[in-house]
């Protein structure tokens, strides 16, 4: 395992589910773990929970709504002010929305939170990450990307919205962003990888109204793995010496596996990068 003394590891979406478990386990190694979350109360609860297990945990918190680009940039600015290096950036925050909603920037919420947030946070911190090398960028994607495409004609589902298609598209975007990012970082000692955590029993999708949240909760009860199991690949990619130089890969159960055929299309990867830049407010 990589040595963790003086390591700075940033985890977004760190107040519940696999983000919380990941932050907890990374804190147990002695690293300084920066918890990024939307709720001040949940951040405080998370700090209390982690320090109960690891009294000497070295924790920091940043409150932000990552669906807001101003908040994402504020997170990046705060990190730059507080730290002179980053060893691990773990883009974990994400959500599923059954209904078409807009972020404060007027962007469809799934796209804003699941893709634009990690894209903007990572690219804004890229100079610091390069200067911190060796460093690791990890993005939580999903097997839900299988069968998805990037609909450049209607990225935000304005014509016809499907919550599932929007989510699947955003997870494909996570993977394609990772591949293009890894390619752009080949001249550095900064790696970029992504992962499928599995179908995990967390509060995921409970932000939605009505029957869907109830049905999803029932599915989780009978079919899902534990958050501890779901966090294993994130923890592995953040800690293991065996992936110190591995980059541009998609992982499942701590092993690199193929992603969908379209995810490897370099032209689409580059187009997605440019389109994402165009959507920065």
C-alpha atoms as a PDB file:
ATOM      1  CA  UNK A   1       0.000   0.000   0.000  1.00  0.00           C
ATOM      2  CA  UNK A   2       1.108   3.559  -0.697  1.00  0.00           C
ATOM      3  CA  UNK A   3       2.492   5.366   2.371  1.00  0.00           C
ATOM      4  CA  UNK A   4      -0.123   7.748   3.743  1.00  0.00           C
ATOM      5  CA  UNK A   5       1.779  10.107   6.025  1.00  0.00           C
ATOM      6  CA  UNK A   6       1.253  13.677   4.763  1.00  0.00           C
ATOM      7  CA  UNK A   7      -1.116  12.450   2.034  1.00  0.00           C
ATOM      8  CA  UNK A   8      -4.070  14.672   1.128  1.00  0.00           C
ATOM      9  CA  UNK A   9      -7.087  12.802  -0.222  1.00  0.00           C
ATOM     10  CA  UNK A  10     -10.260  14.563  -1.348  1.00  0.00           C
ATOM     11  CA  UNK A  11     -13.560  12.672  -1.410  1.00  0.00           C
ATOM     12  CA  UNK A  12     -16.707  14.281  -2.829  1.00  0.00           C
ATOM     13  CA  UNK A  13     -20.090  12.990  -1.742  1.00  0.00           C
ATOM     14  CA  UNK A  14     -18.427  11.884   1.480  1.00  0.00           C
ATOM     15  CA  UNK A  15     -21.379  12.049   3.874  1.00  0.00           C
ATOM     16  CA  UNK A  16     -23.201   8.849   2.945  1.00  0.00           C
ATOM     17  CA  UNK A  17     -22.965   5.538   1.137  1.00  0.00           C
ATOM     18  CA  UNK A  18     -19.717   4.462  -0.458  1.00  0.00           C
ATOM     19  CA  UNK A  19     -18.282   7.973  -0.147  1.00  0.00           C
ATOM     20  CA  UNK A  20     -18.546   7.834   3.628  1.00  0.00           C
ATOM     21  CA  UNK A  21     -17.079   4.326   3.817  1.00  0.00           C
ATOM     22  CA  UNK A  22     -14.243   5.315   1.489  1.00  0.00           C
ATOM     23  CA  UNK A  23     -13.460   8.425   3.537  1.00  0.00           C
ATOM     24  CA  UNK A  24     -13.578   6.407   6.755  1.00  0.00           C
ATOM     25  CA  UNK A  25     -11.161   3.768   5.489  1.00  0.00           C
ATOM     26  CA  UNK A  26      -8.759   6.302   3.991  1.00  0.00           C
ATOM     27  CA  UNK A  27      -8.762   8.255   7.262  1.00  0.00           C
ATOM     28  CA  UNK A  28      -7.835   5.064   9.099  1.00  0.00           C
ATOM     29  CA  UNK A  29      -4.569   4.977   7.130  1.00  0.00           C
ATOM     30  CA  UNK A  30      -3.428   8.308   8.568  1.00  0.00           C
ATOM     31  CA  UNK A  31      -4.058  10.395   5.464  1.00  0.00           C
ATOM     32  CA  UNK A  32      -5.632  13.828   5.738  1.00  0.00           C
ATOM     33  CA  UNK A  33      -9.055  13.291   4.206  1.00  0.00           C
ATOM     34  CA  UNK A  34     -11.025  16.255   2.893  1.00  0.00           C
ATOM     35  CA  UNK A  35     -14.759  15.563   3.027  1.00  0.00           C
ATOM     36  CA  UNK A  36     -16.848  17.457   0.480  1.00  0.00           C
ATOM     37  CA  UNK A  37     -20.611  17.417   1.058  1.00  0.00           C
ATOM     38  CA  UNK A  38     -23.745  19.463   0.572  1.00  0.00           C
ATOM     39  CA  UNK A  39     -25.020  19.523   4.165  1.00  0.00           C
ATOM     40  CA  UNK A  40     -23.095  21.078   7.060  1.00  0.00           C
ATOM     41  CA  UNK A  41     -24.987  18.884   9.517  1.00  0.00           C
ATOM     42  CA  UNK A  42     -24.174  15.688   7.631  1.00  0.00           C
ATOM     43  CA  UNK A  43     -20.542  16.724   7.340  1.00  0.00           C
ATOM     44  CA  UNK A  44     -20.412  17.201  11.110  1.00  0.00           C
ATOM     45  CA  UNK A  45     -22.114  13.835  11.636  1.00  0.00           C
ATOM     46  CA  UNK A  46     -19.612  12.175   9.299  1.00  0.00           C
ATOM     47  CA  UNK A  47     -16.658  13.676  11.148  1.00  0.00           C
ATOM     48  CA  UNK A  48     -18.119  12.413  14.438  1.00  0.00           C
ATOM     49  CA  UNK A  49     -18.685   8.944  12.988  1.00  0.00           C
ATOM     50  CA  UNK A  50     -15.176   8.640  11.549  1.00  0.00           C
ATOM     51  CA  UNK A  51     -13.434   9.983  14.646  1.00  0.00           C
ATOM     52  CA  UNK A  52     -15.398   7.541  16.784  1.00  0.00           C
ATOM     53  CA  UNK A  53     -13.679   4.735  14.876  1.00  0.00           C
ATOM     54  CA  UNK A  54     -10.361   6.551  14.340  1.00  0.00           C
ATOM     55  CA  UNK A  55      -9.874   9.115  17.141  1.00  0.00           C
ATOM     56  CA  UNK A  56      -6.714  10.463  15.529  1.00  0.00           C
ATOM     57  CA  UNK A  57      -8.389  10.891  12.118  1.00  0.00           C
ATOM     58  CA  UNK A  58      -7.061  13.904  10.236  1.00  0.00           C
ATOM     59  CA  UNK A  59     -10.193  15.360   8.654  1.00  0.00           C
ATOM     60  CA  UNK A  60     -11.200  18.556   6.911  1.00  0.00           C
ATOM     61  CA  UNK A  61     -14.608  19.515   5.525  1.00  0.00           C
ATOM     62  CA  UNK A  62     -15.842  21.677   2.678  1.00  0.00           C
ATOM     63  CA  UNK A  63     -19.555  22.358   2.288  1.00  0.00           C
ATOM     64  CA  UNK A  64     -20.739  22.717  -1.301  1.00  0.00           C
ATOM     65  CA  UNK A  65     -23.600  21.950  -3.653  1.00  0.00           C
ATOM     66  CA  UNK A  66     -21.648  20.420  -6.515  1.00  0.00           C
ATOM     67  CA  UNK A  67     -24.512  20.906  -8.967  1.00  0.00           C
ATOM     68  CA  UNK A  68     -23.571  24.602  -8.770  1.00  0.00           C
ATOM     69  CA  UNK A  69     -20.520  25.558 -10.812  1.00  0.00           C
ATOM     70  CA  UNK A  70     -19.822  28.481  -8.477  1.00  0.00           C
ATOM     71  CA  UNK A  71     -19.696  26.044  -5.567  1.00  0.00           C
ATOM     72  CA  UNK A  72     -17.405  23.688  -7.493  1.00  0.00           C
ATOM     73  CA  UNK A  73     -15.006  26.540  -8.205  1.00  0.00           C
ATOM     74  CA  UNK A  74     -15.204  27.614  -4.553  1.00  0.00           C
ATOM     75  CA  UNK A  75     -14.246  24.071  -3.498  1.00  0.00           C
ATOM     76  CA  UNK A  76     -11.253  24.180  -5.836  1.00  0.00           C
ATOM     77  CA  UNK A  77     -10.211  27.595  -4.500  1.00  0.00           C
ATOM     78  CA  UNK A  78     -10.508  26.391  -0.899  1.00  0.00           C
ATOM     79  CA  UNK A  79      -8.382  23.339  -1.631  1.00  0.00           C
ATOM     80  CA  UNK A  80      -5.711  25.475  -3.295  1.00  0.00           C
ATOM     81  CA  UNK A  81      -5.667  27.854  -0.320  1.00  0.00           C
ATOM     82  CA  UNK A  82      -5.430  25.106   2.302  1.00  0.00           C
ATOM     83  CA  UNK A  83      -3.118  22.601   0.638  1.00  0.00           C
ATOM     84  CA  UNK A  84       0.072  22.751  -1.370  1.00  0.00           C
ATOM     85  CA  UNK A  85      -0.509  19.291  -2.832  1.00  0.00           C
ATOM     86  CA  UNK A  86      -3.193  16.696  -3.607  1.00  0.00           C
ATOM     87  CA  UNK A  87      -2.419  12.995  -3.652  1.00  0.00           C
ATOM     88  CA  UNK A  88      -5.884  11.624  -4.433  1.00  0.00           C
ATOM     89  CA  UNK A  89      -8.952  13.315  -5.914  1.00  0.00           C
ATOM     90  CA  UNK A  90     -11.921  10.968  -5.675  1.00  0.00           C
ATOM     91  CA  UNK A  91     -14.949  12.175  -7.635  1.00  0.00           C
ATOM     92  CA  UNK A  92     -17.639  10.172  -5.873  1.00  0.00           C
ATOM     93  CA  UNK A  93     -20.660  12.495  -5.684  1.00  0.00           C
ATOM     94  CA  UNK A  94     -23.570  11.636  -7.949  1.00  0.00           C
ATOM     95  CA  UNK A  95     -27.320  11.155  -8.040  1.00  0.00           C
ATOM     96  CA  UNK A  96     -30.260   9.854 -10.053  1.00  0.00           C
ATOM     97  CA  UNK A  97     -33.219  12.090 -10.910  1.00  0.00           C
ATOM     98  CA  UNK A  98     -36.495  10.696 -12.237  1.00  0.00           C
ATOM     99  CA  UNK A  99     -37.793  14.116 -13.234  1.00  0.00           C
ATOM    100  CA  UNK A 100     -36.260  16.862 -15.340  1.00  0.00           C
ATOM    101  CA  UNK A 101     -34.759  19.457 -13.001  1.00  0.00           C
ATOM    102  CA  UNK A 102     -32.415  22.362 -13.604  1.00  0.00           C
ATOM    103  CA  UNK A 103     -29.377  23.336 -11.578  1.00  0.00           C
ATOM    104  CA  UNK A 104     -28.828  26.934 -10.491  1.00  0.00           C
ATOM    105  CA  UNK A 105     -26.826  27.310 -13.712  1.00  0.00           C
ATOM    106  CA  UNK A 106     -29.786  26.182 -15.822  1.00  0.00           C
ATOM    107  CA  UNK A 107     -28.232  22.801 -16.669  1.00  0.00           C
ATOM    108  CA  UNK A 108     -30.160  19.533 -16.351  1.00  0.00           C
ATOM    109  CA  UNK A 109     -29.416  18.282 -12.841  1.00  0.00           C
ATOM    110  CA  UNK A 110     -28.086  14.817 -13.728  1.00  0.00           C
ATOM    111  CA  UNK A 111     -25.607  16.256 -16.196  1.00  0.00           C
ATOM    112  CA  UNK A 112     -24.677  19.122 -13.867  1.00  0.00           C
ATOM    113  CA  UNK A 113     -23.957  16.956 -10.824  1.00  0.00           C
ATOM    114  CA  UNK A 114     -22.740  13.684 -12.311  1.00  0.00           C
ATOM    115  CA  UNK A 115     -20.579  14.982 -15.157  1.00  0.00           C
ATOM    116  CA  UNK A 116     -19.990  18.725 -15.104  1.00  0.00           C
ATOM    117  CA  UNK A 117     -19.057  18.773 -11.401  1.00  0.00           C
ATOM    118  CA  UNK A 118     -16.213  16.226 -11.629  1.00  0.00           C
ATOM    119  CA  UNK A 119     -15.128  17.670 -14.977  1.00  0.00           C
ATOM    120  CA  UNK A 120     -14.924  21.219 -13.622  1.00  0.00           C
ATOM    121  CA  UNK A 121     -13.407  20.295 -10.258  1.00  0.00           C
ATOM    122  CA  UNK A 122     -10.758  18.079 -11.822  1.00  0.00           C
ATOM    123  CA  UNK A 123      -9.747  20.448 -14.601  1.00  0.00           C
ATOM    124  CA  UNK A 124      -9.611  23.400 -12.190  1.00  0.00           C
ATOM    125  CA  UNK A 125      -7.295  21.428  -9.896  1.00  0.00           C
ATOM    126  CA  UNK A 126      -5.217  19.963 -12.716  1.00  0.00           C
ATOM    127  CA  UNK A 127      -2.219  22.279 -12.307  1.00  0.00           C
ATOM    128  CA  UNK A 128      -2.019  21.466  -8.586  1.00  0.00           C
ATOM    129  CA  UNK A 129      -2.421  17.753  -9.293  1.00  0.00           C
ATOM    130  CA  UNK A 130       0.404  17.876 -11.852  1.00  0.00           C
ATOM    131  CA  UNK A 131       2.607  19.708  -9.370  1.00  0.00           C
ATOM    132  CA  UNK A 132       1.745  17.082  -6.741  1.00  0.00           C
ATOM    133  CA  UNK A 133       2.750  14.083  -8.859  1.00  0.00           C
ATOM    134  CA  UNK A 134       2.537  11.239  -8.236  1.00  0.00           C
ATOM    135  CA  UNK A 135      -1.193  11.793  -7.827  1.00  0.00           C
ATOM    136  CA  UNK A 136      -4.364   9.867  -8.591  1.00  0.00           C
ATOM    137  CA  UNK A 137      -7.717  10.962 -10.003  1.00  0.00           C
ATOM    138  CA  UNK A 138     -10.531   8.479  -9.447  1.00  0.00           C
ATOM    139  CA  UNK A 139     -14.089   8.881 -10.727  1.00  0.00           C
ATOM    140  CA  UNK A 140     -17.021   6.710  -9.710  1.00  0.00           C
ATOM    141  CA  UNK A 141     -18.848   5.695 -12.879  1.00  0.00           C
ATOM    142  CA  UNK A 142     -21.258   2.770 -13.283  1.00  0.00           C
ATOM    143  CA  UNK A 143     -22.062  -0.289 -15.368  1.00  0.00           C
ATOM    144  CA  UNK A 144     -25.223   1.676 -16.177  1.00  0.00           C
ATOM    145  CA  UNK A 145     -23.169   3.219 -18.988  1.00  0.00           C
ATOM    146  CA  UNK A 146     -23.564   0.023 -21.019  1.00  0.00           C
ATOM    147  CA  UNK A 147     -25.843   0.739 -23.970  1.00  0.00           C
ATOM    148  CA  UNK A 148     -25.726   4.505 -23.453  1.00  0.00           C
ATOM    149  CA  UNK A 149     -24.620   7.114 -25.970  1.00  0.00           C
ATOM    150  CA  UNK A 150     -23.711  10.786 -25.689  1.00  0.00           C
ATOM    151  CA  UNK A 151     -26.597  12.646 -27.308  1.00  0.00           C
ATOM    152  CA  UNK A 152     -24.838  15.833 -28.339  1.00  0.00           C
ATOM    153  CA  UNK A 153     -28.026  17.096 -30.017  1.00  0.00           C
ATOM    154  CA  UNK A 154     -29.881  16.997 -26.692  1.00  0.00           C
ATOM    155  CA  UNK A 155     -27.413  16.456 -23.841  1.00  0.00           C
ATOM    156  CA  UNK A 156     -29.874  17.715 -21.244  1.00  0.00           C
ATOM    157  CA  UNK A 157     -32.997  15.849 -22.313  1.00  0.00           C
ATOM    158  CA  UNK A 158     -34.866  19.028 -23.216  1.00  0.00           C
ATOM    159  CA  UNK A 159     -36.796  17.362 -26.027  1.00  0.00           C
ATOM    160  CA  UNK A 160     -37.616  14.116 -24.252  1.00  0.00           C
ATOM    161  CA  UNK A 161     -36.376  13.318 -20.755  1.00  0.00           C
ATOM    162  CA  UNK A 162     -35.726   9.889 -19.302  1.00  0.00           C
ATOM    163  CA  UNK A 163     -34.152   9.737 -15.856  1.00  0.00           C
ATOM    164  CA  UNK A 164     -32.499   6.418 -16.608  1.00  0.00           C
ATOM    165  CA  UNK A 165     -31.088   7.561 -19.967  1.00  0.00           C
ATOM    166  CA  UNK A 166     -29.808  10.769 -18.391  1.00  0.00           C
ATOM    167  CA  UNK A 167     -28.085   8.802 -15.641  1.00  0.00           C
ATOM    168  CA  UNK A 168     -26.605   6.238 -18.039  1.00  0.00           C
ATOM    169  CA  UNK A 169     -25.348   9.012 -20.335  1.00  0.00           C
ATOM    170  CA  UNK A 170     -23.707  10.789 -17.384  1.00  0.00           C
ATOM    171  CA  UNK A 171     -21.919   7.596 -16.336  1.00  0.00           C
ATOM    172  CA  UNK A 172     -20.682   7.050 -19.896  1.00  0.00           C
ATOM    173  CA  UNK A 173     -19.453  10.646 -19.787  1.00  0.00           C
ATOM    174  CA  UNK A 174     -17.530   9.859 -16.574  1.00  0.00           C
ATOM    175  CA  UNK A 175     -15.716   7.046 -18.355  1.00  0.00           C
ATOM    176  CA  UNK A 176     -14.995   8.966 -21.555  1.00  0.00           C
ATOM    177  CA  UNK A 177     -13.800  11.946 -19.514  1.00  0.00           C
ATOM    178  CA  UNK A 178     -11.450   9.623 -17.618  1.00  0.00           C
ATOM    179  CA  UNK A 179     -10.005   8.170 -20.819  1.00  0.00           C
ATOM    180  CA  UNK A 180      -9.430  11.577 -22.408  1.00  0.00           C
ATOM    181  CA  UNK A 181      -8.017  12.924 -19.138  1.00  0.00           C
ATOM    182  CA  UNK A 182      -5.598   9.995 -18.858  1.00  0.00           C
ATOM    183  CA  UNK A 183      -4.424  10.655 -22.402  1.00  0.00           C
ATOM    184  CA  UNK A 184      -3.819  14.339 -21.625  1.00  0.00           C
ATOM    185  CA  UNK A 185      -1.829  13.359 -18.526  1.00  0.00           C
ATOM    186  CA  UNK A 186       0.475  10.823 -20.182  1.00  0.00           C
ATOM    187  CA  UNK A 187       3.378  13.271 -19.886  1.00  0.00           C
ATOM    188  CA  UNK A 188       2.924  13.399 -16.107  1.00  0.00           C
ATOM    189  CA  UNK A 189       2.883  11.077 -13.122  1.00  0.00           C
ATOM    190  CA  UNK A 190      -0.812  11.694 -12.543  1.00  0.00           C
ATOM    191  CA  UNK A 191      -3.142   8.773 -13.195  1.00  0.00           C
ATOM    192  CA  UNK A 192      -6.853   8.835 -14.029  1.00  0.00           C
ATOM    193  CA  UNK A 193      -9.089   5.811 -13.569  1.00  0.00           C
ATOM    194  CA  UNK A 194     -12.792   5.148 -13.067  1.00  0.00           C
ATOM    195  CA  UNK A 195     -14.884   2.364 -11.617  1.00  0.00           C
ATOM    196  CA  UNK A 196     -18.185   0.565 -11.221  1.00  0.00           C
ATOM    197  CA  UNK A 197     -18.991   0.244  -7.494  1.00  0.00           C
ATOM    198  CA  UNK A 198     -21.743  -2.319  -7.949  1.00  0.00           C
ATOM    199  CA  UNK A 199     -25.437  -2.060  -7.062  1.00  0.00           C
ATOM    200  CA  UNK A 200     -25.051  -0.746  -3.546  1.00  0.00           C
ATOM    201  CA  UNK A 201     -27.527  -0.472  -0.658  1.00  0.00           C
ATOM    202  CA  UNK A 202     -27.309   3.252   0.122  1.00  0.00           C
ATOM    203  CA  UNK A 203     -29.614   6.274   0.135  1.00  0.00           C
ATOM    204  CA  UNK A 204     -29.054   6.552  -3.626  1.00  0.00           C
ATOM    205  CA  UNK A 205     -32.182   7.641  -5.565  1.00  0.00           C
ATOM    206  CA  UNK A 206     -34.086   8.400  -2.343  1.00  0.00           C
ATOM    207  CA  UNK A 207     -34.081  12.073  -3.341  1.00  0.00           C
ATOM    208  CA  UNK A 208     -36.857  11.238  -5.820  1.00  0.00           C
ATOM    209  CA  UNK A 209     -40.581  11.510  -5.034  1.00  0.00           C
ATOM    210  CA  UNK A 210     -43.243   8.819  -5.041  1.00  0.00           C
ATOM    211  CA  UNK A 211     -43.156   5.207  -6.106  1.00  0.00           C
ATOM    212  CA  UNK A 212     -39.694   5.140  -7.670  1.00  0.00           C
ATOM    213  CA  UNK A 213     -37.814   5.759  -4.427  1.00  0.00           C
ATOM    214  CA  UNK A 214     -39.901   3.115  -2.659  1.00  0.00           C
ATOM    215  CA  UNK A 215     -39.399   0.547  -5.424  1.00  0.00           C
ATOM    216  CA  UNK A 216     -35.678   1.278  -5.575  1.00  0.00           C
ATOM    217  CA  UNK A 217     -35.383   0.797  -1.815  1.00  0.00           C
ATOM    218  CA  UNK A 218     -37.074  -2.612  -2.096  1.00  0.00           C
ATOM    219  CA  UNK A 219     -34.676  -3.629  -4.890  1.00  0.00           C
ATOM    220  CA  UNK A 220     -31.727  -2.568  -2.766  1.00  0.00           C
ATOM    221  CA  UNK A 221     -32.977  -4.598   0.177  1.00  0.00           C
ATOM    222  CA  UNK A 222     -33.004  -7.828  -1.804  1.00  0.00           C
ATOM    223  CA  UNK A 223     -30.382  -7.336  -4.516  1.00  0.00           C
ATOM    224  CA  UNK A 224     -27.779  -4.802  -3.414  1.00  0.00           C
ATOM    225  CA  UNK A 225     -24.345  -5.223  -1.886  1.00  0.00           C
ATOM    226  CA  UNK A 226     -23.278  -3.395   1.273  1.00  0.00           C
ATOM    227  CA  UNK A 227     -21.697   0.075   1.126  1.00  0.00           C
ATOM    228  CA  UNK A 228     -18.526  -1.508   2.525  1.00  0.00           C
ATOM    229  CA  UNK A 229     -18.399  -3.875  -0.449  1.00  0.00           C
ATOM    230  CA  UNK A 230     -19.287  -1.087  -2.866  1.00  0.00           C
ATOM    231  CA  UNK A 231     -16.441   1.088  -1.587  1.00  0.00           C
ATOM    232  CA  UNK A 232     -13.762  -1.573  -2.044  1.00  0.00           C
ATOM    233  CA  UNK A 233     -12.719  -0.563  -5.569  1.00  0.00           C
ATOM    234  CA  UNK A 234     -12.555   3.147  -4.714  1.00  0.00           C
ATOM    235  CA  UNK A 235     -10.363   2.360  -1.704  1.00  0.00           C
ATOM    236  CA  UNK A 236      -8.214   0.009  -3.781  1.00  0.00           C
ATOM    237  CA  UNK A 237      -7.603   2.640  -6.465  1.00  0.00           C
ATOM    238  CA  UNK A 238      -6.737   5.260  -3.850  1.00  0.00           C
ATOM    239  CA  UNK A 239      -4.380   3.085  -1.816  1.00  0.00           C
ATOM    240  CA  UNK A 240      -2.888   0.168  -3.704  1.00  0.00           C
ATOM    241  CA  UNK A 241       0.697   0.205  -4.945  1.00  0.00           C
ATOM    242  CA  UNK A 242      -0.342  -2.222  -7.686  1.00  0.00           C
ATOM    243  CA  UNK A 243      -2.146   0.558  -9.590  1.00  0.00           C
ATOM    244  CA  UNK A 244       0.399   3.313  -8.941  1.00  0.00           C
ATOM    245  CA  UNK A 245       1.138   3.654 -12.666  1.00  0.00           C
ATOM    246  CA  UNK A 246      -2.120   2.286 -14.097  1.00  0.00           C
ATOM    247  CA  UNK A 247      -4.099   4.919 -15.960  1.00  0.00           C
ATOM    248  CA  UNK A 248      -7.021   5.231 -18.346  1.00  0.00           C
ATOM    249  CA  UNK A 249      -8.781   2.096 -17.109  1.00  0.00           C
ATOM    250  CA  UNK A 250     -12.272   1.163 -15.925  1.00  0.00           C
ATOM    251  CA  UNK A 251     -12.381  -1.069 -12.839  1.00  0.00           C
ATOM    252  CA  UNK A 252     -14.919  -3.473 -11.366  1.00  0.00           C
ATOM    253  CA  UNK A 253     -14.264  -5.516  -8.212  1.00  0.00           C
ATOM    254  CA  UNK A 254     -10.730  -4.085  -8.038  1.00  0.00           C
ATOM    255  CA  UNK A 255      -9.825  -5.345 -11.506  1.00  0.00           C
ATOM    256  CA  UNK A 256      -9.595  -3.527 -14.847  1.00  0.00           C
ATOM    257  CA  UNK A 257     -12.426  -4.587 -17.168  1.00  0.00           C
ATOM    258  CA  UNK A 258     -13.608  -3.421 -20.598  1.00  0.00           C
ATOM    259  CA  UNK A 259     -16.144  -0.622 -20.757  1.00  0.00           C
ATOM    260  CA  UNK A 260     -18.614  -0.223 -23.621  1.00  0.00           C
ATOM    261  CA  UNK A 261     -17.321  -0.080 -27.178  1.00  0.00           C
ATOM    262  CA  UNK A 262     -18.408   3.511 -27.724  1.00  0.00           C
ATOM    263  CA  UNK A 263     -16.544   4.670 -24.602  1.00  0.00           C
ATOM    264  CA  UNK A 264     -13.243   4.103 -26.427  1.00  0.00           C
ATOM    265  CA  UNK A 265     -14.151   6.375 -29.353  1.00  0.00           C
ATOM    266  CA  UNK A 266     -11.453   9.047 -29.233  1.00  0.00           C
ATOM    267  CA  UNK A 267     -13.343  11.500 -31.446  1.00  0.00           C
ATOM    268  CA  UNK A 268     -16.343  11.386 -29.124  1.00  0.00           C
ATOM    269  CA  UNK A 269     -14.099  11.720 -26.066  1.00  0.00           C
ATOM    270  CA  UNK A 270     -12.555  14.893 -27.460  1.00  0.00           C
ATOM    271  CA  UNK A 271     -15.922  16.272 -28.536  1.00  0.00           C
ATOM    272  CA  UNK A 272     -17.290  15.639 -25.043  1.00  0.00           C
ATOM    273  CA  UNK A 273     -14.334  17.471 -23.502  1.00  0.00           C
ATOM    274  CA  UNK A 274     -14.880  20.499 -25.725  1.00  0.00           C
ATOM    275  CA  UNK A 275     -18.641  20.490 -25.182  1.00  0.00           C
ATOM    276  CA  UNK A 276     -18.058  20.326 -21.433  1.00  0.00           C
ATOM    277  CA  UNK A 277     -15.738  23.337 -21.629  1.00  0.00           C
ATOM    278  CA  UNK A 278     -18.444  25.169 -23.572  1.00  0.00           C
ATOM    279  CA  UNK A 279     -20.941  24.483 -20.759  1.00  0.00           C
ATOM    280  CA  UNK A 280     -18.781  26.070 -18.071  1.00  0.00           C
ATOM    281  CA  UNK A 281     -20.579  29.267 -17.084  1.00  0.00           C
END
